[in-house]
Amino acid sequence: MPTLKKNSPVIVTVLAEPVTVTPGRFLDLTGKLIVIAAPQPAGVGQPVQIEAPNMLWLGEVRDCQPALDEFELRVDIAHTLQDLAELARLNERFTGRSGAERAPDAMHVLSN
């Protein structure tokens, strides 16, 4: 699995109503637990999506604690997708739809 460096940017999407999308920073990944720093808290038990370049994790917030001027989220990982560019190419091959026809991903939207 590709690794991220500490403090690498990620996008955190809380998938509970209301859905919120916020930038964050990768802190640690140990087994099935990922730790992220984010400017907004997330509730324990809320489903989240964490997106980094070419990687995506889906999980549930285990713990959220204040840390200086941000929050540290510990997320139990349920699903991991990696090599998203290759998955997009395979999808295009099997469906005949180009990647340009799909909705923009959060990393692209927030980087503009």
PDB file of N, CA and C in Angstrom:
ATOM      1  N   MET A   1       0.847  -1.183   0.000  1.00  0.00           N
ATOM      2  CA  MET A   1       0.000   0.000   0.000  1.00  0.00           C
ATOM      3  C   MET A   1       0.892   1.245   0.000  1.00  0.00           C
ATOM      4  N   PRO A   2       0.557   2.218  -0.841  1.00  0.00           N
ATOM      5  CA  PRO A   2       1.331   3.470  -0.820  1.00  0.00           C
ATOM      6  C   PRO A   2       1.219   4.126   0.549  1.00  0.00           C
ATOM      7  N   THR A   3       2.270   4.828   0.927  1.00  0.00           N
ATOM      8  CA  THR A   3       2.250   5.487   2.216  1.00  0.00           C
ATOM      9  C   THR A   3       2.228   7.002   2.044  1.00  0.00           C
ATOM     10  N   LEU A   4       1.632   7.656   3.009  1.00  0.00           N
ATOM     11  CA  LEU A   4       1.598   9.113   3.049  1.00  0.00           C
ATOM     12  C   LEU A   4       2.602   9.591   4.083  1.00  0.00           C
ATOM     13  N   LYS A   5       3.163  10.740   3.831  1.00  0.00           N
ATOM     14  CA  LYS A   5       4.032  11.358   4.822  1.00  0.00           C
ATOM     15  C   LYS A   5       3.172  12.091   5.843  1.00  0.00           C
ATOM     16  N   LYS A   6       3.665  12.162   7.067  1.00  0.00           N
ATOM     17  CA  LYS A   6       2.956  12.896   8.110  1.00  0.00           C
ATOM     18  C   LYS A   6       2.719  14.330   7.636  1.00  0.00           C
ATOM     19  N   ASN A   7       1.538  14.841   7.909  1.00  0.00           N
ATOM     20  CA  ASN A   7       1.066  16.177   7.553  1.00  0.00           C
ATOM     21  C   ASN A   7       0.706  16.342   6.081  1.00  0.00           C
ATOM     22  N   SER A   8       0.686  15.245   5.320  1.00  0.00           N
ATOM     23  CA  SER A   8       0.217  15.316   3.933  1.00  0.00           C
ATOM     24  C   SER A   8      -1.251  15.737   3.927  1.00  0.00           C
ATOM     25  N   PRO A   9      -1.663  16.545   2.933  1.00  0.00           N
ATOM     26  CA  PRO A   9      -3.056  16.988   2.884  1.00  0.00           C
ATOM     27  C   PRO A   9      -4.005  15.853   2.515  1.00  0.00           C
ATOM     28  N   VAL A  10      -5.164  15.876   3.153  1.00  0.00           N
ATOM     29  CA  VAL A  10      -6.255  14.953   2.847  1.00  0.00           C
ATOM     30  C   VAL A  10      -7.549  15.756   2.829  1.00  0.00           C
ATOM     31  N   ILE A  11      -8.580  15.153   2.292  1.00  0.00           N
ATOM     32  CA  ILE A  11      -9.918  15.728   2.342  1.00  0.00           C
ATOM     33  C   ILE A  11     -10.763  14.804   3.199  1.00  0.00           C
ATOM     34  N   VAL A  12     -11.417  15.367   4.207  1.00  0.00           N
ATOM     35  CA  VAL A  12     -12.265  14.600   5.117  1.00  0.00           C
ATOM     36  C   VAL A  12     -13.716  14.948   4.814  1.00  0.00           C
ATOM     37  N   THR A  13     -14.501  13.930   4.492  1.00  0.00           N
ATOM     38  CA  THR A  13     -15.926  14.116   4.244  1.00  0.00           C
ATOM     39  C   THR A  13     -16.697  13.347   5.303  1.00  0.00           C
ATOM     40  N   VAL A  14     -17.462  14.072   6.124  1.00  0.00           N
ATOM     41  CA  VAL A  14     -18.346  13.428   7.100  1.00  0.00           C
ATOM     42  C   VAL A  14     -19.622  13.098   6.342  1.00  0.00           C
ATOM     43  N   LEU A  15     -19.961  11.822   6.282  1.00  0.00           N
ATOM     44  CA  LEU A  15     -21.056  11.349   5.440  1.00  0.00           C
ATOM     45  C   LEU A  15     -22.401  11.326   6.154  1.00  0.00           C
ATOM     46  N   ALA A  16     -22.488  11.946   7.332  1.00  0.00           N
ATOM     47  CA  ALA A  16     -23.750  12.061   8.058  1.00  0.00           C
ATOM     48  C   ALA A  16     -24.373  13.413   7.708  1.00  0.00           C
ATOM     49  N   GLU A  17     -25.677  13.532   7.878  1.00  0.00           N
ATOM     50  CA  GLU A  17     -26.359  14.800   7.580  1.00  0.00           C
ATOM     51  C   GLU A  17     -26.056  15.831   8.652  1.00  0.00           C
ATOM     52  N   PRO A  18     -25.689  17.026   8.332  1.00  0.00           N
ATOM     53  CA  PRO A  18     -25.392  17.479   6.974  1.00  0.00           C
ATOM     54  C   PRO A  18     -23.997  17.022   6.574  1.00  0.00           C
ATOM     55  N   VAL A  19     -23.837  16.590   5.331  1.00  0.00           N
ATOM     56  CA  VAL A  19     -22.535  16.173   4.824  1.00  0.00           C
ATOM     57  C   VAL A  19     -21.600  17.386   4.834  1.00  0.00           C
ATOM     58  N   THR A  20     -20.399  17.203   5.370  1.00  0.00           N
ATOM     59  CA  THR A  20     -19.414  18.291   5.382  1.00  0.00           C
ATOM     60  C   THR A  20     -18.116  17.804   4.757  1.00  0.00           C
ATOM     61  N   VAL A  21     -17.477  18.681   4.017  1.00  0.00           N
ATOM     62  CA  VAL A  21     -16.196  18.394   3.385  1.00  0.00           C
ATOM     63  C   VAL A  21     -15.207  19.429   3.895  1.00  0.00           C
ATOM     64  N   THR A  22     -14.070  18.960   4.396  1.00  0.00           N
ATOM     65  CA  THR A  22     -13.078  19.869   4.956  1.00  0.00           C
ATOM     66  C   THR A  22     -11.671  19.360   4.662  1.00  0.00           C
ATOM     67  N   PRO A  23     -10.717  20.264   4.511  1.00  0.00           N
ATOM     68  CA  PRO A  23      -9.335  19.806   4.362  1.00  0.00           C
ATOM     69  C   PRO A  23      -8.815  19.292   5.698  1.00  0.00           C
ATOM     70  N   GLY A  24      -7.837  18.430   5.641  1.00  0.00           N
ATOM     71  CA  GLY A  24      -7.229  17.906   6.853  1.00  0.00           C
ATOM     72  C   GLY A  24      -5.784  17.534   6.586  1.00  0.00           C
ATOM     73  N   ARG A  25      -5.155  16.952   7.606  1.00  0.00           N
ATOM     74  CA  ARG A  25      -3.770  16.503   7.492  1.00  0.00           C
ATOM     75  C   ARG A  25      -3.678  15.069   7.978  1.00  0.00           C
ATOM     76  N   PHE A  26      -2.938  14.251   7.241  1.00  0.00           N
ATOM     77  CA  PHE A  26      -2.674  12.876   7.640  1.00  0.00           C
ATOM     78  C   PHE A  26      -1.668  12.887   8.792  1.00  0.00           C
ATOM     79  N   LEU A  27      -1.962  12.132   9.843  1.00  0.00           N
ATOM     80  CA  LEU A  27      -1.032  12.034  10.968  1.00  0.00           C
ATOM     81  C   LEU A  27      -0.425  10.644  11.113  1.00  0.00           C
ATOM     82  N   ASP A  28      -1.266   9.599  11.003  1.00  0.00           N
ATOM     83  CA  ASP A  28      -0.750   8.252  11.243  1.00  0.00           C
ATOM     84  C   ASP A  28      -1.712   7.211  10.680  1.00  0.00           C
ATOM     85  N   LEU A  29      -1.162   6.049  10.349  1.00  0.00           N
ATOM     86  CA  LEU A  29      -1.944   4.902   9.912  1.00  0.00           C
ATOM     87  C   LEU A  29      -1.314   3.676  10.539  1.00  0.00           C
ATOM     88  N   THR A  30      -2.085   2.997  11.389  1.00  0.00           N
ATOM     89  CA  THR A  30      -1.607   1.798  12.051  1.00  0.00           C
ATOM     90  C   THR A  30      -2.691   0.739  11.928  1.00  0.00           C
ATOM     91  N   GLY A  31      -2.399  -0.303  11.180  1.00  0.00           N
ATOM     92  CA  GLY A  31      -3.397  -1.350  10.991  1.00  0.00           C
ATOM     93  C   GLY A  31      -4.642  -0.795  10.353  1.00  0.00           C
ATOM     94  N   LYS A  32      -5.762  -0.910  11.028  1.00  0.00           N
ATOM     95  CA  LYS A  32      -7.056  -0.434  10.530  1.00  0.00           C
ATOM     96  C   LYS A  32      -7.480   0.875  11.192  1.00  0.00           C
ATOM     97  N   LEU A  33      -6.507   1.652  11.697  1.00  0.00           N
ATOM     98  CA  LEU A  33      -6.803   2.927  12.349  1.00  0.00           C
ATOM     99  C   LEU A  33      -6.014   4.033  11.660  1.00  0.00           C
ATOM    100  N   ILE A  34      -6.720   5.060  11.204  1.00  0.00           N
ATOM    101  CA  ILE A  34      -6.076   6.215  10.595  1.00  0.00           C
ATOM    102  C   ILE A  34      -6.343   7.422  11.483  1.00  0.00           C
ATOM    103  N   VAL A  35      -5.331   8.271  11.651  1.00  0.00           N
ATOM    104  CA  VAL A  35      -5.456   9.462  12.485  1.00  0.00           C
ATOM    105  C   VAL A  35      -5.283  10.681  11.580  1.00  0.00           C
ATOM    106  N   ILE A  36      -6.241  11.602  11.677  1.00  0.00           N
ATOM    107  CA  ILE A  36      -6.300  12.787  10.824  1.00  0.00           C
ATOM    108  C   ILE A  36      -6.477  14.016  11.710  1.00  0.00           C
ATOM    109  N   ALA A  37      -5.820  15.117  11.351  1.00  0.00           N
ATOM    110  CA  ALA A  37      -6.068  16.412  11.988  1.00  0.00           C
ATOM    111  C   ALA A  37      -6.998  17.188  11.070  1.00  0.00           C
ATOM    112  N   ALA A  38      -8.038  17.787  11.629  1.00  0.00           N
ATOM    113  CA  ALA A  38      -9.023  18.532  10.834  1.00  0.00           C
ATOM    114  C   ALA A  38      -9.463  19.771  11.606  1.00  0.00           C
ATOM    115  N   PRO A  39      -9.898  20.808  10.889  1.00  0.00           N
ATOM    116  CA  PRO A  39     -10.319  22.034  11.564  1.00  0.00           C
ATOM    117  C   PRO A  39     -11.693  21.930  12.231  1.00  0.00           C
ATOM    118  N   GLN A  40     -12.465  20.895  11.871  1.00  0.00           N
ATOM    119  CA  GLN A  40     -13.802  20.713  12.434  1.00  0.00           C
ATOM    120  C   GLN A  40     -13.905  19.349  13.101  1.00  0.00           C
ATOM    121  N   PRO A  41     -14.695  19.255  14.168  1.00  0.00           N
ATOM    122  CA  PRO A  41     -14.865  17.960  14.823  1.00  0.00           C
ATOM    123  C   PRO A  41     -15.813  17.066  14.026  1.00  0.00           C
ATOM    124  N   ALA A  42     -15.779  15.787  14.347  1.00  0.00           N
ATOM    125  CA  ALA A  42     -16.724  14.810  13.814  1.00  0.00           C
ATOM    126  C   ALA A  42     -17.188  13.964  14.989  1.00  0.00           C
ATOM    127  N   GLY A  43     -18.446  13.593  14.975  1.00  0.00           N
ATOM    128  CA  GLY A  43     -19.014  12.829  16.077  1.00  0.00           C
ATOM    129  C   GLY A  43     -18.606  11.370  16.064  1.00  0.00           C
ATOM    130  N   VAL A  44     -18.441  10.812  17.250  1.00  0.00           N
ATOM    131  CA  VAL A  44     -18.131   9.393  17.378  1.00  0.00           C
ATOM    132  C   VAL A  44     -19.225   8.586  16.693  1.00  0.00           C
ATOM    133  N   GLY A  45     -18.810   7.632  15.886  1.00  0.00           N
ATOM    134  CA  GLY A  45     -19.745   6.769  15.175  1.00  0.00           C
ATOM    135  C   GLY A  45     -20.151   7.281  13.804  1.00  0.00           C
ATOM    136  N   GLN A  46     -19.786   8.519  13.475  1.00  0.00           N
ATOM    137  CA  GLN A  46     -20.160   9.054  12.170  1.00  0.00           C
ATOM    138  C   GLN A  46     -19.319   8.414  11.067  1.00  0.00           C
ATOM    139  N   PRO A  47     -19.956   8.117   9.928  1.00  0.00           N
ATOM    140  CA  PRO A  47     -19.193   7.584   8.800  1.00  0.00           C
ATOM    141  C   PRO A  47     -18.414   8.705   8.121  1.00  0.00           C
ATOM    142  N   VAL A  48     -17.180   8.405   7.719  1.00  0.00           N
ATOM    143  CA  VAL A  48     -16.338   9.394   7.059  1.00  0.00           C
ATOM    144  C   VAL A  48     -15.626   8.777   5.868  1.00  0.00           C
ATOM    145  N   GLN A  49     -15.291   9.675   4.941  1.00  0.00           N
ATOM    146  CA  GLN A  49     -14.450   9.334   3.800  1.00  0.00           C
ATOM    147  C   GLN A  49     -13.205  10.203   3.904  1.00  0.00           C
ATOM    148  N   ILE A  50     -12.047   9.587   3.773  1.00  0.00           N
ATOM    149  CA  ILE A  50     -10.779  10.321   3.807  1.00  0.00           C
ATOM    150  C   ILE A  50     -10.103  10.085   2.468  1.00  0.00           C
ATOM    151  N   GLU A  51      -9.824  11.186   1.776  1.00  0.00           N
ATOM    152  CA  GLU A  51      -9.270  11.095   0.431  1.00  0.00           C
ATOM    153  C   GLU A  51      -7.903  11.757   0.370  1.00  0.00           C
ATOM    154  N   ALA A  52      -6.959  11.025  -0.187  1.00  0.00           N
ATOM    155  CA  ALA A  52      -5.609  11.529  -0.440  1.00  0.00           C
ATOM    156  C   ALA A  52      -5.318  11.246  -1.905  1.00  0.00           C
ATOM    157  N   PRO A  53      -4.277  11.846  -2.448  1.00  0.00           N
ATOM    158  CA  PRO A  53      -3.961  11.550  -3.842  1.00  0.00           C
ATOM    159  C   PRO A  53      -3.823  10.047  -4.075  1.00  0.00           C
ATOM    160  N   ASN A  54      -4.673   9.524  -4.947  1.00  0.00           N
ATOM    161  CA  ASN A  54      -4.647   8.131  -5.372  1.00  0.00           C
ATOM    162  C   ASN A  54      -5.034   7.123  -4.294  1.00  0.00           C
ATOM    163  N   MET A  55      -5.629   7.592  -3.162  1.00  0.00           N
ATOM    164  CA  MET A  55      -6.074   6.699  -2.092  1.00  0.00           C
ATOM    165  C   MET A  55      -7.379   7.214  -1.490  1.00  0.00           C
ATOM    166  N   LEU A  56      -8.183   6.281  -0.991  1.00  0.00           N
ATOM    167  CA  LEU A  56      -9.441   6.640  -0.359  1.00  0.00           C
ATOM    168  C   LEU A  56      -9.732   5.633   0.748  1.00  0.00           C
ATOM    169  N   TRP A  57     -10.109   6.145   1.918  1.00  0.00           N
ATOM    170  CA  TRP A  57     -10.491   5.291   3.036  1.00  0.00           C
ATOM    171  C   TRP A  57     -11.919   5.612   3.436  1.00  0.00           C
ATOM    172  N   LEU A  58     -12.683   4.586   3.780  1.00  0.00           N
ATOM    173  CA  LEU A  58     -14.017   4.749   4.343  1.00  0.00           C
ATOM    174  C   LEU A  58     -13.991   4.134   5.725  1.00  0.00           C
ATOM    175  N   GLY A  59     -14.578   4.839   6.673  1.00  0.00           N
ATOM    176  CA  GLY A  59     -14.567   4.304   8.023  1.00  0.00           C
ATOM    177  C   GLY A  59     -15.525   5.030   8.935  1.00  0.00           C
ATOM    178  N   GLU A  60     -15.351   4.791  10.218  1.00  0.00           N
ATOM    179  CA  GLU A  60     -16.225   5.350  11.250  1.00  0.00           C
ATOM    180  C   GLU A  60     -15.359   6.001  12.322  1.00  0.00           C
ATOM    181  N   VAL A  61     -15.787   7.180  12.753  1.00  0.00           N
ATOM    182  CA  VAL A  61     -15.028   7.916  13.765  1.00  0.00           C
ATOM    183  C   VAL A  61     -15.055   7.148  15.084  1.00  0.00           C
ATOM    184  N   ARG A  62     -13.880   6.807  15.570  1.00  0.00           N
ATOM    185  CA  ARG A  62     -13.742   6.134  16.863  1.00  0.00           C
ATOM    186  C   ARG A  62     -13.660   7.165  17.986  1.00  0.00           C
ATOM    187  N   ASP A  63     -12.935   8.268  17.699  1.00  0.00           N
ATOM    188  CA  ASP A  63     -12.667   9.257  18.727  1.00  0.00           C
ATOM    189  C   ASP A  63     -12.350  10.584  18.051  1.00  0.00           C
ATOM    190  N   CYS A  64     -12.714  11.679  18.696  1.00  0.00           N
ATOM    191  CA  CYS A  64     -12.402  13.020  18.186  1.00  0.00           C
ATOM    192  C   CYS A  64     -12.061  13.891  19.382  1.00  0.00           C
ATOM    193  N   GLN A  65     -10.818  14.394  19.399  1.00  0.00           N
ATOM    194  CA  GLN A  65     -10.350  15.187  20.525  1.00  0.00           C
ATOM    195  C   GLN A  65      -9.778  16.515  20.037  1.00  0.00           C
ATOM    196  N   PRO A  66     -10.005  17.603  20.796  1.00  0.00           N
ATOM    197  CA  PRO A  66      -9.368  18.872  20.441  1.00  0.00           C
ATOM    198  C   PRO A  66      -7.845  18.746  20.567  1.00  0.00           C
ATOM    199  N   ALA A  67      -7.133  19.391  19.627  1.00  0.00           N
ATOM    200  CA  ALA A  67      -5.664  19.390  19.648  1.00  0.00           C
ATOM    201  C   ALA A  67      -5.205  20.740  19.123  1.00  0.00           C
ATOM    202  N   LEU A  68      -4.822  21.622  20.031  1.00  0.00           N
ATOM    203  CA  LEU A  68      -4.459  22.999  19.704  1.00  0.00           C
ATOM    204  C   LEU A  68      -5.628  23.675  18.989  1.00  0.00           C
ATOM    205  N   ASP A  69      -5.435  24.126  17.752  1.00  0.00           N
ATOM    206  CA  ASP A  69      -6.507  24.842  17.049  1.00  0.00           C
ATOM    207  C   ASP A  69      -7.230  23.955  16.040  1.00  0.00           C
ATOM    208  N   GLU A  70      -7.160  22.630  16.221  1.00  0.00           N
ATOM    209  CA  GLU A  70      -7.834  21.695  15.325  1.00  0.00           C
ATOM    210  C   GLU A  70      -8.329  20.501  16.131  1.00  0.00           C
ATOM    211  N   PHE A  71      -8.800  19.497  15.436  1.00  0.00           N
ATOM    212  CA  PHE A  71      -9.307  18.287  16.084  1.00  0.00           C
ATOM    213  C   PHE A  71      -8.571  17.082  15.529  1.00  0.00           C
ATOM    214  N   GLU A  72      -8.293  16.125  16.396  1.00  0.00           N
ATOM    215  CA  GLU A  72      -7.647  14.889  15.989  1.00  0.00           C
ATOM    216  C   GLU A  72      -8.707  13.803  15.916  1.00  0.00           C
ATOM    217  N   LEU A  73      -8.920  13.292  14.710  1.00  0.00           N
ATOM    218  CA  LEU A  73      -9.914  12.246  14.481  1.00  0.00           C
ATOM    219  C   LEU A  73      -9.214  10.906  14.346  1.00  0.00           C
ATOM    220  N   ARG A  74      -9.675   9.946  15.105  1.00  0.00           N
ATOM    221  CA  ARG A  74      -9.209   8.566  14.967  1.00  0.00           C
ATOM    222  C   ARG A  74     -10.355   7.804  14.300  1.00  0.00           C
ATOM    223  N   VAL A  75     -10.034   7.192  13.168  1.00  0.00           N
ATOM    224  CA  VAL A  75     -11.065   6.559  12.353  1.00  0.00           C
ATOM    225  C   VAL A  75     -10.748   5.083  12.165  1.00  0.00           C
ATOM    226  N   ASP A  76     -11.727   4.227  12.492  1.00  0.00           N
ATOM    227  CA  ASP A  76     -11.612   2.793  12.219  1.00  0.00           C
ATOM    228  C   ASP A  76     -11.922   2.589  10.740  1.00  0.00           C
ATOM    229  N   ILE A  77     -10.962   2.051   9.998  1.00  0.00           N
ATOM    230  CA  ILE A  77     -11.105   1.875   8.559  1.00  0.00           C
ATOM    231  C   ILE A  77     -11.912   0.617   8.249  1.00  0.00           C
ATOM    232  N   ALA A  78     -12.953   0.791   7.420  1.00  0.00           N
ATOM    233  CA  ALA A  78     -13.761  -0.337   6.969  1.00  0.00           C
ATOM    234  C   ALA A  78     -13.360  -0.761   5.551  1.00  0.00           C
ATOM    235  N   HIS A  79     -13.029   0.222   4.700  1.00  0.00           N
ATOM    236  CA  HIS A  79     -12.676  -0.062   3.299  1.00  0.00           C
ATOM    237  C   HIS A  79     -11.538   0.850   2.862  1.00  0.00           C
ATOM    238  N   THR A  80     -10.675   0.329   2.028  1.00  0.00           N
ATOM    239  CA  THR A  80      -9.563   1.093   1.468  1.00  0.00           C
ATOM    240  C   THR A  80      -9.545   0.896  -0.036  1.00  0.00           C
ATOM    241  N   LEU A  81      -9.408   1.996  -0.760  1.00  0.00           N
ATOM    242  CA  LEU A  81      -9.189   1.937  -2.202  1.00  0.00           C
ATOM    243  C   LEU A  81      -7.872   2.628  -2.487  1.00  0.00           C
ATOM    244  N   GLN A  82      -7.056   2.012  -3.314  1.00  0.00           N
ATOM    245  CA  GLN A  82      -5.794   2.630  -3.690  1.00  0.00           C
ATOM    246  C   GLN A  82      -5.623   2.523  -5.191  1.00  0.00           C
ATOM    247  N   ASP A  83      -4.669   3.263  -5.726  1.00  0.00           N
ATOM    248  CA  ASP A  83      -4.399   3.308  -7.153  1.00  0.00           C
ATOM    249  C   ASP A  83      -5.670   3.702  -7.913  1.00  0.00           C
ATOM    250  N   LEU A  84      -6.259   4.822  -7.477  1.00  0.00           N
ATOM    251  CA  LEU A  84      -7.517   5.292  -8.054  1.00  0.00           C
ATOM    252  C   LEU A  84      -7.403   5.606  -9.540  1.00  0.00           C
ATOM    253  N   ALA A  85      -6.246   6.041 -10.005  1.00  0.00           N
ATOM    254  CA  ALA A  85      -6.074   6.327 -11.428  1.00  0.00           C
ATOM    255  C   ALA A  85      -6.243   5.045 -12.246  1.00  0.00           C
ATOM    256  N   GLU A  86      -5.678   3.965 -11.770  1.00  0.00           N
ATOM    257  CA  GLU A  86      -5.815   2.686 -12.470  1.00  0.00           C
ATOM    258  C   GLU A  86      -7.261   2.204 -12.427  1.00  0.00           C
ATOM    259  N   LEU A  87      -7.940   2.384 -11.295  1.00  0.00           N
ATOM    260  CA  LEU A  87      -9.356   2.005 -11.212  1.00  0.00           C
ATOM    261  C   LEU A  87     -10.197   2.809 -12.198  1.00  0.00           C
ATOM    262  N   ALA A  88      -9.887   4.094 -12.367  1.00  0.00           N
ATOM    263  CA  ALA A  88     -10.616   4.932 -13.325  1.00  0.00           C
ATOM    264  C   ALA A  88     -10.388   4.433 -14.752  1.00  0.00           C
ATOM    265  N   ARG A  89      -9.153   4.047 -15.069  1.00  0.00           N
ATOM    266  CA  ARG A  89      -8.871   3.508 -16.407  1.00  0.00           C
ATOM    267  C   ARG A  89      -9.628   2.213 -16.646  1.00  0.00           C
ATOM    268  N   LEU A  90      -9.669   1.334 -15.652  1.00  0.00           N
ATOM    269  CA  LEU A  90     -10.429   0.083 -15.794  1.00  0.00           C
ATOM    270  C   LEU A  90     -11.918   0.362 -15.965  1.00  0.00           C
ATOM    271  N   ASN A  91     -12.434   1.313 -15.183  1.00  0.00           N
ATOM    272  CA  ASN A  91     -13.843   1.671 -15.293  1.00  0.00           C
ATOM    273  C   ASN A  91     -14.160   2.177 -16.695  1.00  0.00           C
ATOM    274  N   GLU A  92     -13.284   3.014 -17.225  1.00  0.00           N
ATOM    275  CA  GLU A  92     -13.480   3.542 -18.578  1.00  0.00           C
ATOM    276  C   GLU A  92     -13.474   2.409 -19.605  1.00  0.00           C
ATOM    277  N   ARG A  93     -12.574   1.480 -19.419  1.00  0.00           N
ATOM    278  CA  ARG A  93     -12.474   0.355 -20.353  1.00  0.00           C
ATOM    279  C   ARG A  93     -13.740  -0.497 -20.341  1.00  0.00           C
ATOM    280  N   PHE A  94     -14.283  -0.755 -19.147  1.00  0.00           N
ATOM    281  CA  PHE A  94     -15.442  -1.631 -19.047  1.00  0.00           C
ATOM    282  C   PHE A  94     -16.770  -0.931 -19.312  1.00  0.00           C
ATOM    283  N   THR A  95     -16.852   0.351 -19.014  1.00  0.00           N
ATOM    284  CA  THR A  95     -18.133   1.057 -19.199  1.00  0.00           C
ATOM    285  C   THR A  95     -18.176   1.883 -20.473  1.00  0.00           C
ATOM    286  N   GLY A  96     -17.004   2.194 -21.024  1.00  0.00           N
ATOM    287  CA  GLY A  96     -16.966   3.040 -22.208  1.00  0.00           C
ATOM    288  C   GLY A  96     -17.109   4.514 -21.886  1.00  0.00           C
ATOM    289  N   ARG A  97     -17.193   4.861 -20.601  1.00  0.00           N
ATOM    290  CA  ARG A  97     -17.310   6.262 -20.174  1.00  0.00           C
ATOM    291  C   ARG A  97     -15.943   6.774 -19.794  1.00  0.00           C
ATOM    292  N   SER A  98     -15.625   7.964 -20.250  1.00  0.00           N
ATOM    293  CA  SER A  98     -14.339   8.552 -19.888  1.00  0.00           C
ATOM    294  C   SER A  98     -14.399   9.108 -18.478  1.00  0.00           C
ATOM    295  N   GLY A  99     -13.241   9.287 -17.875  1.00  0.00           N
ATOM    296  CA  GLY A  99     -13.158   9.865 -16.539  1.00  0.00           C
ATOM    297  C   GLY A  99     -13.698  11.275 -16.498  1.00  0.00           C
ATOM    298  N   ALA A 100     -13.680  11.980 -17.634  1.00  0.00           N
ATOM    299  CA  ALA A 100     -14.191  13.352 -17.694  1.00  0.00           C
ATOM    300  C   ALA A 100     -15.700  13.397 -17.514  1.00  0.00           C
ATOM    301  N   GLU A 101     -16.371  12.264 -17.728  1.00  0.00           N
ATOM    302  CA  GLU A 101     -17.828  12.227 -17.593  1.00  0.00           C
ATOM    303  C   GLU A 101     -18.288  12.053 -16.166  1.00  0.00           C
ATOM    304  N   ARG A 102     -17.364  11.719 -15.263  1.00  0.00           N
ATOM    305  CA  ARG A 102     -17.755  11.515 -13.862  1.00  0.00           C
ATOM    306  C   ARG A 102     -17.656  12.821 -13.099  1.00  0.00           C
ATOM    307  N   ALA A 103     -18.257  12.826 -11.924  1.00  0.00           N
ATOM    308  CA  ALA A 103     -18.229  14.027 -11.079  1.00  0.00           C
ATOM    309  C   ALA A 103     -16.797  14.287 -10.618  1.00  0.00           C
ATOM    310  N   PRO A 104     -16.411  15.563 -10.445  1.00  0.00           N
ATOM    311  CA  PRO A 104     -15.052  15.863  -9.974  1.00  0.00           C
ATOM    312  C   PRO A 104     -14.860  15.371  -8.551  1.00  0.00           C
ATOM    313  N   ASP A 105     -13.648  14.917  -8.249  1.00  0.00           N
ATOM    314  CA  ASP A 105     -13.380  14.448  -6.892  1.00  0.00           C
ATOM    315  C   ASP A 105     -13.062  15.628  -5.980  1.00  0.00           C
ATOM    316  N   ALA A 106     -13.166  15.397  -4.687  1.00  0.00           N
ATOM    317  CA  ALA A 106     -13.018  16.468  -3.698  1.00  0.00           C
ATOM    318  C   ALA A 106     -11.622  17.095  -3.735  1.00  0.00           C
ATOM    319  N   MET A 107     -10.577  16.301  -3.962  1.00  0.00           N
ATOM    320  CA  MET A 107      -9.220  16.855  -4.000  1.00  0.00           C
ATOM    321  C   MET A 107      -9.109  17.868  -5.120  1.00  0.00           C
ATOM    322  N   HIS A 108      -9.709  17.569  -6.271  1.00  0.00           N
ATOM    323  CA  HIS A 108      -9.638  18.483  -7.411  1.00  0.00           C
ATOM    324  C   HIS A 108     -10.426  19.756  -7.127  1.00  0.00           C
ATOM    325  N   VAL A 109     -11.617  19.613  -6.577  1.00  0.00           N
ATOM    326  CA  VAL A 109     -12.470  20.776  -6.311  1.00  0.00           C
ATOM    327  C   VAL A 109     -11.808  21.710  -5.314  1.00  0.00           C
ATOM    328  N   LEU A 110     -11.232  21.177  -4.247  1.00  0.00           N
ATOM    329  CA  LEU A 110     -10.649  22.034  -3.217  1.00  0.00           C
ATOM    330  C   LEU A 110      -9.290  22.594  -3.617  1.00  0.00           C
ATOM    331  N   SER A 111      -8.644  22.004  -4.614  1.00  0.00           N
ATOM    332  CA  SER A 111      -7.343  22.522  -5.020  1.00  0.00           C
ATOM    333  C   SER A 111      -7.468  23.703  -5.973  1.00  0.00           C
ATOM    334  N   ASN A 112      -8.661  23.946  -6.504  1.00  0.00           N
ATOM    335  CA  ASN A 112      -8.866  25.067  -7.432  1.00  0.00           C
ATOM    336  C   ASN A 112      -9.193  26.338  -6.704  1.00  0.00           C
TER     337      ASN A 112
END
